[in-house]
Amino acid sequence: YRDRRGRHRQPDWVRQERYQPSYNKGPQSSGPVLLSRRHLHQDADSSERVLMDMRWGLVPSWFKQDNPSKLQFNTSNCRSDTMLSKSSYKGALLKGKRCVVLADGFYEWQQQSGGKQPYFIYFPQTKDATDKEMEGDEEWKGWRLLTMAGIFDCWEPPGGGEMLYTYTIITVDASKDVSFIHHRQVRAGKGVAGMPAILDGDEAIRKWLDFAEVSTQEAVKLIQPTENIVFHPVSTFVNNIRNNTPECVAPIELGAKKEVKATPSNKGMLGWLKKSQESSPQKKENDLPKWTSQFIHSPSPKKTSADVLQQWLGKQGQPAAKKHKA
């Protein structure tokens, strides 16, 4: 990324050792988020960023009980139309505690007569990510991570102890491209179908994170559905949160659940998954998902847990002329 002086910078990774990659992340797990360095160091420029591992499911700083698991409501997702009115999120948002949640993509389920069909939803990928043939031990290096708008907070145990950093992902109405996936129901006059608020591009990310220069009033204008996404059906293998292998994101052909169909949008993924699937464990019995959405953070199989995000962050610092366009 570029700081306020136009210099290319790469965020420091706070608590990097805690990062646990997964193909099938659910609420209460931890994942990497971007935030302004000023939240951690008051003398830092608010345009500077850090990468930090946080737990998914916001625990408000005002929560008084001694155990965050005693929180009686679900805070994994925050509806955009109530984020400035609900006490769980309003205080943190008005204090500028805005973050960007990083993931390869997210899952949604389509209600069908025979059950729920999962889909994997992600950014359109650059040509080198989808069309390049894998040779030898060459790794797949082109995946563009989703950048989702979030709110974070910091909770301090009443009796003292380590501060707990947690986040929630802001949701908006589903875009027309993926609205067919959702089984719409009407409750209190409002549709419940939604999707993450995706920040598309460096400028949107900059404005969302730089809380000292961009007011809450201006920042919330960035929260809206995007059409710049693609998707493919995946196996119900992902329905069981315990399943955590590349099969979770592998494309399938509907009507032939185990068969993978190669298309321009998933060709790169198929090449990447080919070797990894050979070592996948035996399939376990499928369960229906406990959550409407599950967001994942999955590295290339041969990379270390830090390499994928560091590589992505490094690309963000390249001159604009060298960046790939989705």
Foldseek 3Di string as FASTA:
>chain_A
DAAPVRAFDFAAEDPLVQFDAFPFFDAQAKAKKKAACCVVPVVDQLLGIHIYIAGQFAQAQPDADQDSVPPPDTQNEAELVCQCPDPSRNVQLQVLQKIKTKFLFKWFWAQDPVGTWIKTKHFFWFQCLQPPADDDPDFRATRDIWIFIKGKHWYARPVGDDIHIYIHFYKYAEDPVCPNRDDWDADPRDTPHIDGQTQPDDVLNSLSRSPVVHPSVRNSVSRDYDPRMDMATAALLSQDSVATFLSSNAHADPVGRVHGDRDSRCNSVCNLCVVRVVPGDDRDDGDGHPDRMTGGHHDRPPDDSCPNVSSNSVLVSDPPVPHTDD
